[in-house]
C-alpha cells in the first residue's frame, strides 16, 4: 500500500463505519478516508507554497529579510514533498484487517507530518509576504535611506517575531481545530511528539 494508491470510500460506507467502530473493516474505511483528507490538504498546501514569489523586482532587495525567507519557504516546501516515504510496517498479528490497520496508521503518520510541515511553511510564507507589503508601504517607490531606516528595521523585527511564533505546537493545534470544525475523524491522528520525531529523522 502506498500514499498514492488510496481511494476515498463512498460517503454511505463512511457513515456506517462511524456508527460501527467494532468492525475492523469499517474502521479501516475511516482510516482510509482520513489519509485521503490529509493528503488532499497537503497537495493544496504544496500548490500555494510553490506559487509564492521568490524574486524581487529590484535585485538590490534579493538578500533582504523577507525575500530570503520566501526563498527558504520554497526550498523547504520542495524538500518536504520530495523526502522519501517510509510506510513499511512489520507483519501484524490478526490477519489481513490488522495488517491493513497497521499500514494505514503508518501512512497517516507520513501524510500528517508532511501536512504539518507544509502548513508551517505556508504560515511563514504568509508572514514574509506581509513583510513585503509593509516594506512597499514604507518605501513608496523609493529606496531605503536614513529617514526610513527605523521603520524598515521595525518590520524586520516584526517578521522575526512572527516567524518565532509559528511553533509546532501552534500549527498542530490550528490544524486539529480546523479538522474538528469540519467534522473529520481524528480519533487516531498521530501525536505532536510522533510528528516531531518523523520530521527530525528526515532533517537535511
N, C-alpha and C. Protein backbone atom coordinates (compact mmCIF):
# COMPACT_ATOMS: atom_id res chain seq x y z
N UNK A 1 0.85 -1.20 0.00
CA UNK A 1 0.00 0.00 0.00
C UNK A 1 0.88 1.24 0.00
N UNK A 2 0.56 2.21 -0.84
CA UNK A 2 1.37 3.41 -0.96
C UNK A 2 0.52 4.64 -0.72
N UNK A 3 1.20 5.80 -0.63
CA UNK A 3 0.50 7.06 -0.41
C UNK A 3 -0.45 7.39 -1.55
N UNK A 4 -0.14 6.96 -2.76
CA UNK A 4 -0.93 7.35 -3.91
C UNK A 4 -1.96 6.31 -4.32
N UNK A 5 -2.02 5.17 -3.64
CA UNK A 5 -2.93 4.11 -4.05
C UNK A 5 -4.24 4.12 -3.27
N UNK A 6 -4.41 5.11 -2.39
CA UNK A 6 -5.59 5.15 -1.55
C UNK A 6 -6.76 5.78 -2.29
N UNK A 7 -7.97 5.21 -2.08
CA UNK A 7 -9.16 5.78 -2.66
C UNK A 7 -10.16 6.06 -1.56
N UNK A 8 -10.82 7.21 -1.64
CA UNK A 8 -11.80 7.60 -0.63
C UNK A 8 -13.04 6.73 -0.77
N UNK A 9 -13.49 6.07 0.31
CA UNK A 9 -14.68 5.24 0.21
C UNK A 9 -15.93 6.09 0.07
N UNK A 10 -17.04 5.51 -0.43
CA UNK A 10 -18.28 6.27 -0.57
C UNK A 10 -18.76 6.79 0.77
N UNK A 11 -19.53 7.88 0.72
CA UNK A 11 -19.97 8.52 1.96
C UNK A 11 -20.81 7.59 2.80
N UNK A 12 -21.71 6.78 2.14
CA UNK A 12 -22.59 5.93 2.94
C UNK A 12 -21.81 4.88 3.71
N UNK A 13 -20.72 4.37 3.14
CA UNK A 13 -19.91 3.39 3.87
C UNK A 13 -19.19 4.04 5.03
N UNK A 14 -18.79 5.30 4.85
CA UNK A 14 -18.16 6.03 5.95
C UNK A 14 -19.15 6.21 7.08
N UNK A 15 -20.38 6.56 6.74
CA UNK A 15 -21.38 6.79 7.77
C UNK A 15 -21.61 5.52 8.58
N UNK A 16 -21.68 4.38 7.90
CA UNK A 16 -21.84 3.12 8.62
C UNK A 16 -20.65 2.84 9.51
N UNK A 17 -19.46 3.15 9.02
CA UNK A 17 -18.25 2.90 9.81
C UNK A 17 -18.24 3.72 11.07
N UNK A 18 -18.73 4.94 10.96
CA UNK A 18 -18.69 5.82 12.12
C UNK A 18 -19.63 5.34 13.22
N UNK A 19 -20.61 4.52 12.87
CA UNK A 19 -21.54 4.03 13.88
C UNK A 19 -21.29 2.58 14.24
N UNK A 20 -20.24 2.00 13.71
CA UNK A 20 -19.95 0.59 13.96
C UNK A 20 -18.45 0.41 14.13
N UNK A 21 -17.91 1.03 15.19
CA UNK A 21 -16.47 1.06 15.38
C UNK A 21 -15.88 -0.30 15.73
N UNK A 22 -16.74 -1.26 16.07
CA UNK A 22 -16.21 -2.57 16.45
C UNK A 22 -15.88 -3.44 15.24
N UNK A 23 -16.23 -3.02 14.05
CA UNK A 23 -15.95 -3.80 12.85
C UNK A 23 -14.65 -3.33 12.24
N UNK A 24 -13.59 -4.14 12.29
CA UNK A 24 -12.28 -3.69 11.80
C UNK A 24 -12.31 -3.17 10.37
N UNK A 25 -13.05 -3.84 9.49
CA UNK A 25 -13.07 -3.40 8.10
C UNK A 25 -13.64 -1.99 7.98
N UNK A 26 -14.70 -1.72 8.72
CA UNK A 26 -15.34 -0.41 8.61
C UNK A 26 -14.49 0.67 9.25
N UNK A 27 -13.80 0.33 10.31
CA UNK A 27 -12.88 1.31 10.90
C UNK A 27 -11.74 1.60 9.93
N UNK A 28 -11.30 0.59 9.21
CA UNK A 28 -10.26 0.81 8.21
C UNK A 28 -10.74 1.74 7.10
N UNK A 29 -12.05 1.73 6.81
CA UNK A 29 -12.59 2.67 5.85
C UNK A 29 -12.45 4.10 6.37
N UNK A 30 -12.68 4.27 7.67
CA UNK A 30 -12.47 5.60 8.28
C UNK A 30 -11.00 6.00 8.18
N UNK A 31 -10.12 5.07 8.44
CA UNK A 31 -8.68 5.36 8.35
C UNK A 31 -8.30 5.75 6.92
N UNK A 32 -8.83 5.01 5.96
CA UNK A 32 -8.53 5.31 4.56
C UNK A 32 -9.02 6.70 4.19
N UNK A 33 -10.22 7.04 4.62
CA UNK A 33 -10.77 8.36 4.33
C UNK A 33 -9.94 9.45 4.99
N UNK A 34 -9.47 9.19 6.19
CA UNK A 34 -8.67 10.20 6.91
C UNK A 34 -7.36 10.45 6.17
N UNK A 35 -6.72 9.39 5.73
CA UNK A 35 -5.48 9.56 4.97
C UNK A 35 -5.75 10.37 3.70
N UNK A 36 -6.84 10.06 3.01
CA UNK A 36 -7.17 10.78 1.78
C UNK A 36 -7.39 12.27 2.05
N UNK A 37 -8.04 12.60 3.17
CA UNK A 37 -8.26 14.00 3.53
C UNK A 37 -6.93 14.72 3.76
N UNK A 38 -6.08 14.09 4.54
CA UNK A 38 -4.80 14.73 4.89
C UNK A 38 -3.93 14.90 3.65
N UNK A 39 -3.92 13.90 2.77
CA UNK A 39 -3.15 14.02 1.54
C UNK A 39 -3.69 15.13 0.65
N UNK A 40 -5.01 15.28 0.59
CA UNK A 40 -5.60 16.36 -0.20
C UNK A 40 -5.21 17.72 0.37
N UNK A 41 -5.20 17.82 1.69
CA UNK A 41 -4.76 19.07 2.33
C UNK A 41 -3.31 19.37 1.97
N UNK A 42 -2.47 18.34 2.02
CA UNK A 42 -1.05 18.54 1.73
C UNK A 42 -0.84 18.98 0.28
N UNK A 43 -1.58 18.39 -0.63
CA UNK A 43 -1.46 18.80 -2.04
C UNK A 43 -1.85 20.26 -2.22
N UNK A 44 -2.91 20.70 -1.53
CA UNK A 44 -3.32 22.10 -1.62
C UNK A 44 -2.25 23.02 -1.05
N UNK A 45 -1.65 22.63 0.06
CA UNK A 45 -0.58 23.42 0.65
C UNK A 45 0.60 23.54 -0.31
N UNK A 46 0.95 22.43 -0.94
CA UNK A 46 2.06 22.45 -1.89
C UNK A 46 1.79 23.40 -3.05
N UNK A 47 0.56 23.43 -3.50
CA UNK A 47 0.20 24.33 -4.60
C UNK A 47 0.44 25.78 -4.20
N UNK A 48 -0.03 26.16 -3.02
CA UNK A 48 0.12 27.55 -2.58
C UNK A 48 1.58 27.90 -2.30
N UNK A 49 2.31 26.96 -1.72
CA UNK A 49 3.73 27.23 -1.43
C UNK A 49 4.50 27.44 -2.73
N UNK A 50 4.27 26.57 -3.70
CA UNK A 50 5.01 26.67 -4.96
C UNK A 50 4.66 27.92 -5.75
N UNK A 51 3.49 28.50 -5.47
CA UNK A 51 3.06 29.71 -6.18
C UNK A 51 3.60 30.99 -5.54
N UNK A 52 4.27 30.87 -4.43
CA UNK A 52 4.78 32.05 -3.73
C UNK A 52 5.90 32.74 -4.49
N UNK A 53 6.02 34.06 -4.35
CA UNK A 53 7.09 34.79 -5.04
C UNK A 53 8.46 34.49 -4.43
N UNK A 54 9.49 34.53 -5.25
CA UNK A 54 10.86 34.29 -4.77
C UNK A 54 11.85 35.33 -5.26
N UNK A 55 11.49 36.10 -6.28
CA UNK A 55 12.41 37.07 -6.87
C UNK A 55 11.84 38.48 -6.76
N UNK A 56 12.53 39.40 -6.10
CA UNK A 56 12.04 40.78 -6.03
C UNK A 56 12.21 41.50 -7.37
N UNK A 57 11.41 42.53 -7.57
CA UNK A 57 11.55 43.31 -8.80
C UNK A 57 12.90 44.02 -8.86
N UNK A 58 13.35 44.49 -7.71
CA UNK A 58 14.64 45.17 -7.65
C UNK A 58 15.67 44.19 -7.07
N UNK A 59 16.71 43.91 -7.84
CA UNK A 59 17.70 42.92 -7.41
C UNK A 59 18.42 43.33 -6.13
N UNK A 60 18.39 44.61 -5.79
CA UNK A 60 19.01 45.06 -4.54
C UNK A 60 18.29 44.51 -3.32
N UNK A 61 17.05 44.07 -3.50
CA UNK A 61 16.26 43.54 -2.39
C UNK A 61 16.44 42.04 -2.20
N UNK A 62 17.26 41.42 -3.03
CA UNK A 62 17.35 39.96 -3.07
C UNK A 62 17.71 39.37 -1.70
N UNK A 63 18.63 39.99 -0.99
CA UNK A 63 19.10 39.43 0.28
C UNK A 63 18.42 40.05 1.50
N UNK A 64 17.36 40.81 1.28
CA UNK A 64 16.64 41.37 2.42
C UNK A 64 15.91 40.26 3.17
N UNK A 65 15.52 40.57 4.39
CA UNK A 65 14.99 39.56 5.31
C UNK A 65 13.79 38.78 4.73
N UNK A 66 12.82 39.51 4.23
CA UNK A 66 11.61 38.85 3.75
C UNK A 66 11.82 38.01 2.51
N UNK A 67 12.59 38.52 1.57
CA UNK A 67 12.83 37.77 0.34
C UNK A 67 13.67 36.52 0.59
N UNK A 68 14.61 36.61 1.50
CA UNK A 68 15.39 35.42 1.87
C UNK A 68 14.48 34.36 2.50
N UNK A 69 13.53 34.82 3.32
CA UNK A 69 12.58 33.90 3.95
C UNK A 69 11.69 33.22 2.91
N UNK A 70 11.25 33.98 1.91
CA UNK A 70 10.40 33.41 0.87
C UNK A 70 11.12 32.33 0.07
N UNK A 71 12.37 32.58 -0.25
CA UNK A 71 13.12 31.56 -1.00
C UNK A 71 13.31 30.31 -0.16
N UNK A 72 13.55 30.49 1.13
CA UNK A 72 13.71 29.33 2.00
C UNK A 72 12.42 28.53 2.10
N UNK A 73 11.28 29.22 2.10
CA UNK A 73 9.99 28.53 2.14
C UNK A 73 9.81 27.65 0.91
N UNK A 74 10.20 28.16 -0.25
CA UNK A 74 10.08 27.38 -1.48
C UNK A 74 10.98 26.15 -1.43
N UNK A 75 12.20 26.33 -0.94
CA UNK A 75 13.13 25.21 -0.81
C UNK A 75 12.59 24.17 0.16
N UNK A 76 12.10 24.63 1.31
CA UNK A 76 11.57 23.71 2.32
C UNK A 76 10.33 22.99 1.81
N UNK A 77 9.48 23.71 1.06
CA UNK A 77 8.28 23.09 0.52
C UNK A 77 8.60 21.98 -0.46
N UNK A 78 9.60 22.19 -1.29
CA UNK A 78 10.00 21.15 -2.24
C UNK A 78 10.63 19.97 -1.52
N UNK A 79 11.37 20.25 -0.46
CA UNK A 79 12.04 19.17 0.27
C UNK A 79 11.01 18.25 0.94
N UNK A 80 10.01 18.84 1.59
CA UNK A 80 9.05 18.00 2.30
C UNK A 80 8.19 17.21 1.31
N UNK A 81 8.09 17.70 0.08
CA UNK A 81 7.40 16.94 -0.96
C UNK A 81 8.25 15.77 -1.45
N UNK A 82 9.54 16.01 -1.60
CA UNK A 82 10.43 15.02 -2.20
C UNK A 82 10.97 13.97 -1.22
N UNK A 83 10.97 14.28 0.08
CA UNK A 83 11.57 13.36 1.04
C UNK A 83 10.90 11.99 0.93
N UNK A 84 11.71 10.96 0.97
CA UNK A 84 11.20 9.60 0.74
C UNK A 84 10.21 9.18 1.82
N UNK A 85 9.18 8.50 1.39
CA UNK A 85 8.20 7.96 2.33
C UNK A 85 8.69 6.62 2.86
N UNK A 86 8.40 6.37 4.12
CA UNK A 86 8.71 5.07 4.72
C UNK A 86 7.43 4.57 5.37
N UNK A 87 6.65 3.82 4.63
CA UNK A 87 5.36 3.35 5.13
C UNK A 87 5.37 1.85 5.41
N UNK A 88 6.56 1.27 5.50
CA UNK A 88 6.66 -0.16 5.79
C UNK A 88 6.32 -0.44 7.25
N UNK A 89 5.65 -1.53 7.47
CA UNK A 89 5.34 -1.96 8.84
C UNK A 89 5.61 -3.45 8.95
N UNK A 90 5.96 -3.93 10.15
CA UNK A 90 6.15 -5.38 10.32
C UNK A 90 4.84 -6.12 10.10
N UNK A 91 4.92 -7.38 9.78
CA UNK A 91 3.72 -8.20 9.61
C UNK A 91 2.93 -8.20 10.91
N UNK A 92 1.65 -7.85 10.82
CA UNK A 92 0.81 -7.74 12.01
C UNK A 92 0.14 -9.07 12.33
N UNK A 93 -0.07 -9.32 13.61
CA UNK A 93 -0.81 -10.49 14.05
C UNK A 93 -2.30 -10.18 13.95
N UNK A 94 -3.09 -11.16 13.49
CA UNK A 94 -4.53 -10.94 13.48
C UNK A 94 -5.16 -10.90 12.11
N UNK A 95 -4.39 -11.19 11.09
CA UNK A 95 -5.00 -11.29 9.77
C UNK A 95 -4.88 -10.05 8.92
N UNK A 96 -5.59 -10.09 7.79
CA UNK A 96 -5.48 -9.04 6.77
C UNK A 96 -5.94 -7.68 7.28
N UNK A 97 -7.04 -7.65 8.03
CA UNK A 97 -7.56 -6.36 8.50
C UNK A 97 -6.59 -5.69 9.47
N UNK A 98 -5.93 -6.49 10.31
CA UNK A 98 -4.95 -5.92 11.23
C UNK A 98 -3.73 -5.40 10.49
N UNK A 99 -3.33 -6.11 9.43
CA UNK A 99 -2.22 -5.64 8.62
C UNK A 99 -2.58 -4.33 7.92
N UNK A 100 -3.80 -4.25 7.42
CA UNK A 100 -4.27 -3.02 6.78
C UNK A 100 -4.29 -1.87 7.78
N UNK A 101 -4.76 -2.17 8.99
CA UNK A 101 -4.78 -1.14 10.04
C UNK A 101 -3.39 -0.59 10.28
N UNK A 102 -2.41 -1.49 10.46
CA UNK A 102 -1.04 -1.05 10.75
C UNK A 102 -0.48 -0.21 9.60
N UNK A 103 -0.75 -0.63 8.37
CA UNK A 103 -0.25 0.11 7.21
C UNK A 103 -0.89 1.48 7.10
N UNK A 104 -2.20 1.55 7.31
CA UNK A 104 -2.90 2.83 7.23
C UNK A 104 -2.43 3.80 8.30
N UNK A 105 -2.19 3.30 9.50
CA UNK A 105 -1.71 4.18 10.56
C UNK A 105 -0.32 4.72 10.25
N UNK A 106 0.52 3.90 9.64
CA UNK A 106 1.85 4.36 9.26
C UNK A 106 1.77 5.39 8.13
N UNK A 107 0.90 5.13 7.16
CA UNK A 107 0.72 6.08 6.06
C UNK A 107 0.15 7.40 6.58
N UNK A 108 -0.77 7.31 7.54
CA UNK A 108 -1.34 8.53 8.12
C UNK A 108 -0.26 9.36 8.80
N UNK A 109 0.64 8.72 9.52
CA UNK A 109 1.73 9.45 10.16
C UNK A 109 2.56 10.19 9.11
N UNK A 110 2.90 9.50 8.03
CA UNK A 110 3.70 10.11 6.97
C UNK A 110 2.97 11.32 6.36
N UNK A 111 1.70 11.12 6.01
CA UNK A 111 0.93 12.20 5.39
C UNK A 111 0.70 13.35 6.36
N UNK A 112 0.41 13.02 7.61
CA UNK A 112 0.11 14.03 8.62
C UNK A 112 1.33 14.90 8.90
N UNK A 113 2.50 14.27 8.98
CA UNK A 113 3.72 15.03 9.24
C UNK A 113 4.04 15.96 8.07
N UNK A 114 3.82 15.48 6.85
CA UNK A 114 4.04 16.35 5.68
C UNK A 114 3.07 17.53 5.68
N UNK A 115 1.81 17.25 6.00
CA UNK A 115 0.83 18.33 6.06
C UNK A 115 1.20 19.34 7.14
N UNK A 116 1.61 18.84 8.29
CA UNK A 116 2.02 19.71 9.39
C UNK A 116 3.14 20.65 8.95
N UNK A 117 4.17 20.08 8.34
CA UNK A 117 5.30 20.89 7.91
C UNK A 117 4.90 21.84 6.79
N UNK A 118 4.03 21.37 5.90
CA UNK A 118 3.55 22.24 4.83
C UNK A 118 2.78 23.43 5.37
N UNK A 119 1.94 23.21 6.36
CA UNK A 119 1.19 24.31 6.98
C UNK A 119 2.13 25.30 7.65
N UNK A 120 3.14 24.78 8.30
CA UNK A 120 4.12 25.64 8.96
C UNK A 120 4.85 26.51 7.94
N UNK A 121 5.23 25.91 6.82
CA UNK A 121 5.91 26.66 5.76
C UNK A 121 4.98 27.73 5.19
N UNK A 122 3.72 27.38 4.96
CA UNK A 122 2.78 28.34 4.39
C UNK A 122 2.57 29.53 5.31
N UNK A 123 2.51 29.30 6.61
CA UNK A 123 2.37 30.40 7.56
C UNK A 123 3.60 31.30 7.54
N UNK A 124 4.76 30.71 7.43
CA UNK A 124 5.99 31.50 7.33
C UNK A 124 6.00 32.31 6.02
N UNK A 125 5.55 31.68 4.97
CA UNK A 125 5.48 32.36 3.67
C UNK A 125 4.52 33.55 3.74
N UNK A 126 3.39 33.36 4.39
CA UNK A 126 2.42 34.45 4.52
C UNK A 126 3.00 35.61 5.32
N UNK A 127 3.75 35.30 6.37
CA UNK A 127 4.38 36.35 7.17
C UNK A 127 5.38 37.14 6.33
N UNK A 128 6.15 36.45 5.50
CA UNK A 128 7.13 37.13 4.65
C UNK A 128 6.44 37.98 3.59
N UNK A 129 5.31 37.53 3.08
CA UNK A 129 4.58 38.33 2.10
C UNK A 129 3.97 39.58 2.73
N UNK A 130 3.54 39.47 3.97
CA UNK A 130 3.08 40.68 4.68
C UNK A 130 4.23 41.66 4.84
N UNK A 131 5.42 41.14 5.11
CA UNK A 131 6.61 41.99 5.23
C UNK A 131 6.83 42.77 3.94
N UNK A 132 6.66 42.12 2.80
CA UNK A 132 6.82 42.81 1.51
C UNK A 132 5.81 43.95 1.38
N UNK A 133 4.57 43.69 1.76
CA UNK A 133 3.54 44.72 1.68
C UNK A 133 3.88 45.91 2.58
N UNK A 134 4.29 45.62 3.82
CA UNK A 134 4.66 46.70 4.74
C UNK A 134 5.84 47.50 4.20
N UNK A 135 6.80 46.79 3.64
CA UNK A 135 8.00 47.46 3.12
C UNK A 135 7.65 48.36 1.95
N UNK A 136 6.79 47.89 1.07
CA UNK A 136 6.37 48.71 -0.06
C UNK A 136 5.65 49.97 0.41
N UNK A 137 4.84 49.83 1.47
CA UNK A 137 4.14 50.99 2.01
C UNK A 137 5.12 52.02 2.58
N UNK A 138 6.18 51.53 3.20
CA UNK A 138 7.18 52.44 3.77
C UNK A 138 7.99 53.11 2.67
N UNK A 139 8.42 52.34 1.69
CA UNK A 139 9.30 52.88 0.64
C UNK A 139 8.56 53.76 -0.36
N UNK A 140 7.31 53.41 -0.66
CA UNK A 140 6.50 54.18 -1.61
C UNK A 140 7.27 54.45 -2.91
N UNK A 141 7.86 53.41 -3.44
CA UNK A 141 8.55 53.52 -4.72
C UNK A 141 9.98 54.03 -4.63
N UNK A 142 10.42 54.41 -3.44
CA UNK A 142 11.78 54.90 -3.26
C UNK A 142 12.68 53.75 -2.78
N UNK A 143 13.92 54.07 -2.47
CA UNK A 143 14.87 53.12 -1.93
C UNK A 143 15.11 53.42 -0.46
N UNK A 144 15.64 52.45 0.29
CA UNK A 144 15.95 52.71 1.70
C UNK A 144 16.92 53.88 1.86
N UNK A 145 16.68 54.66 2.90
CA UNK A 145 17.56 55.79 3.21
C UNK A 145 17.48 56.04 4.72
N UNK A 146 18.34 56.88 5.27
CA UNK A 146 18.36 57.09 6.72
C UNK A 146 17.00 57.48 7.30
N UNK A 147 16.18 58.15 6.51
CA UNK A 147 14.89 58.61 7.01
C UNK A 147 13.89 57.50 7.25
N UNK A 148 14.02 56.37 6.56
CA UNK A 148 13.08 55.27 6.77
C UNK A 148 13.74 54.04 7.39
N UNK A 149 14.98 54.20 7.79
CA UNK A 149 15.73 53.06 8.34
C UNK A 149 15.03 52.46 9.57
N UNK A 150 14.55 53.31 10.47
CA UNK A 150 13.92 52.81 11.69
C UNK A 150 12.66 52.02 11.38
N UNK A 151 11.87 52.50 10.42
CA UNK A 151 10.65 51.79 10.05
C UNK A 151 10.97 50.43 9.41
N UNK A 152 11.98 50.42 8.57
CA UNK A 152 12.37 49.16 7.93
C UNK A 152 12.91 48.17 8.95
N UNK A 153 13.66 48.68 9.91
CA UNK A 153 14.18 47.81 10.97
C UNK A 153 13.03 47.24 11.81
N UNK A 154 12.00 48.06 12.01
CA UNK A 154 10.85 47.61 12.80
C UNK A 154 10.12 46.46 12.13
N UNK A 155 9.95 46.53 10.81
CA UNK A 155 9.24 45.43 10.16
C UNK A 155 10.12 44.18 10.05
N UNK A 156 11.44 44.36 10.00
CA UNK A 156 12.33 43.20 10.08
C UNK A 156 12.16 42.49 11.41
N UNK A 157 12.12 43.28 12.48
CA UNK A 157 11.94 42.71 13.82
C UNK A 157 10.57 42.04 13.95
N UNK A 158 9.56 42.67 13.35
CA UNK A 158 8.22 42.09 13.40
C UNK A 158 8.18 40.75 12.67
N UNK A 159 8.86 40.67 11.53
CA UNK A 159 8.90 39.41 10.78
C UNK A 159 9.56 38.32 11.61
N UNK A 160 10.66 38.65 12.27
CA UNK A 160 11.34 37.65 13.10
C UNK A 160 10.42 37.16 14.22
N UNK A 161 9.68 38.09 14.82
CA UNK A 161 8.77 37.73 15.91
C UNK A 161 7.64 36.83 15.40
N UNK A 162 7.11 37.15 14.23
CA UNK A 162 6.04 36.32 13.66
C UNK A 162 6.55 34.93 13.32
N UNK A 163 7.75 34.86 12.78
CA UNK A 163 8.33 33.55 12.45
C UNK A 163 8.52 32.71 13.71
N UNK A 164 8.99 33.34 14.76
CA UNK A 164 9.24 32.62 16.01
C UNK A 164 7.94 32.10 16.62
N UNK A 165 6.83 32.81 16.35
CA UNK A 165 5.54 32.41 16.93
C UNK A 165 4.92 31.21 16.20
N UNK A 166 5.44 30.89 15.03
CA UNK A 166 4.89 29.76 14.26
C UNK A 166 5.56 28.47 14.76
N UNK A 167 5.15 28.04 15.90
CA UNK A 167 5.75 26.86 16.55
C UNK A 167 5.01 25.60 16.13
N UNK A 168 5.63 24.45 16.38
CA UNK A 168 4.96 23.17 16.11
C UNK A 168 3.67 23.06 16.90
N UNK A 169 3.70 23.52 18.14
CA UNK A 169 2.50 23.44 18.99
C UNK A 169 1.36 24.26 18.39
N UNK A 170 1.68 25.45 17.90
CA UNK A 170 0.66 26.31 17.31
C UNK A 170 0.07 25.67 16.06
N UNK A 171 0.93 25.16 15.19
CA UNK A 171 0.48 24.56 13.93
C UNK A 171 -0.37 23.32 14.20
N UNK A 172 0.06 22.46 15.11
CA UNK A 172 -0.68 21.24 15.43
C UNK A 172 -2.07 21.58 15.94
N UNK A 173 -2.14 22.55 16.86
CA UNK A 173 -3.43 22.95 17.42
C UNK A 173 -4.33 23.56 16.36
N UNK A 174 -3.77 24.38 15.49
CA UNK A 174 -4.55 25.03 14.44
C UNK A 174 -5.15 24.01 13.48
N UNK A 175 -4.35 23.03 13.07
CA UNK A 175 -4.83 22.01 12.15
C UNK A 175 -5.89 21.11 12.80
N UNK A 176 -5.66 20.75 14.06
CA UNK A 176 -6.63 19.91 14.76
C UNK A 176 -7.97 20.62 14.90
N UNK A 177 -7.93 21.90 15.25
CA UNK A 177 -9.16 22.69 15.37
C UNK A 177 -9.90 22.75 14.05
N UNK A 178 -9.15 22.96 12.96
CA UNK A 178 -9.77 23.02 11.63
C UNK A 178 -10.40 21.68 11.26
N UNK A 179 -9.70 20.58 11.55
CA UNK A 179 -10.25 19.25 11.26
C UNK A 179 -11.54 19.01 12.03
N UNK A 180 -11.52 19.31 13.31
CA UNK A 180 -12.69 19.06 14.15
C UNK A 180 -13.87 19.94 13.75
N UNK A 181 -13.59 21.16 13.32
CA UNK A 181 -14.67 22.05 12.90
C UNK A 181 -15.36 21.55 11.64
N UNK A 182 -14.65 20.73 10.85
CA UNK A 182 -15.22 20.14 9.64
C UNK A 182 -15.81 18.76 9.89
N UNK A 183 -15.81 18.34 11.14
CA UNK A 183 -16.39 17.05 11.48
C UNK A 183 -15.57 15.86 11.02
N UNK A 184 -14.28 16.04 10.86
CA UNK A 184 -13.42 14.95 10.40
C UNK A 184 -13.12 13.96 11.54
N UNK A 185 -12.81 12.74 11.14
CA UNK A 185 -12.50 11.67 12.10
C UNK A 185 -11.04 11.81 12.51
N UNK A 186 -10.81 12.20 13.75
CA UNK A 186 -9.44 12.48 14.22
C UNK A 186 -9.02 11.54 15.34
N UNK A 187 -9.78 10.50 15.57
CA UNK A 187 -9.56 9.63 16.73
C UNK A 187 -8.15 9.03 16.76
N UNK A 188 -7.59 8.72 15.60
CA UNK A 188 -6.28 8.06 15.57
C UNK A 188 -5.19 8.96 14.99
N UNK A 189 -5.42 10.26 14.97
CA UNK A 189 -4.38 11.17 14.48
C UNK A 189 -3.12 11.03 15.33
N UNK A 190 -1.96 11.09 14.71
CA UNK A 190 -0.71 10.96 15.47
C UNK A 190 -0.50 12.15 16.40
N UNK A 191 0.21 11.92 17.48
CA UNK A 191 0.50 12.98 18.44
C UNK A 191 1.55 13.93 17.87
N UNK A 192 1.65 15.10 18.46
CA UNK A 192 2.67 16.05 18.05
C UNK A 192 4.06 15.46 18.24
N UNK A 193 4.26 14.72 19.31
CA UNK A 193 5.57 14.12 19.56
C UNK A 193 5.96 13.17 18.43
N UNK A 194 5.03 12.36 17.95
CA UNK A 194 5.34 11.44 16.85
C UNK A 194 5.64 12.20 15.56
N UNK A 195 4.92 13.27 15.33
CA UNK A 195 5.18 14.09 14.14
C UNK A 195 6.57 14.70 14.21
N UNK A 196 6.92 15.23 15.37
CA UNK A 196 8.24 15.84 15.53
C UNK A 196 9.34 14.81 15.34
N UNK A 197 9.14 13.60 15.83
CA UNK A 197 10.13 12.54 15.63
C UNK A 197 10.27 12.20 14.14
N UNK A 198 9.15 12.13 13.43
CA UNK A 198 9.18 11.85 11.99
C UNK A 198 9.97 12.93 11.26
N UNK A 199 9.68 14.18 11.58
CA UNK A 199 10.35 15.29 10.91
C UNK A 199 11.83 15.34 11.27
N UNK A 200 12.14 15.11 12.54
CA UNK A 200 13.53 15.16 12.97
C UNK A 200 14.37 14.10 12.28
N UNK A 201 13.80 12.95 12.05
CA UNK A 201 14.55 11.86 11.41
C UNK A 201 14.80 12.12 9.93
N UNK A 202 14.14 13.15 9.39
CA UNK A 202 14.30 13.46 7.97
C UNK A 202 14.90 14.83 7.72
N UNK A 203 15.47 15.42 8.76
CA UNK A 203 16.13 16.71 8.58
C UNK A 203 17.33 16.55 7.66
N UNK A 204 17.57 17.59 6.86
CA UNK A 204 18.73 17.57 5.96
C UNK A 204 20.01 17.76 6.74
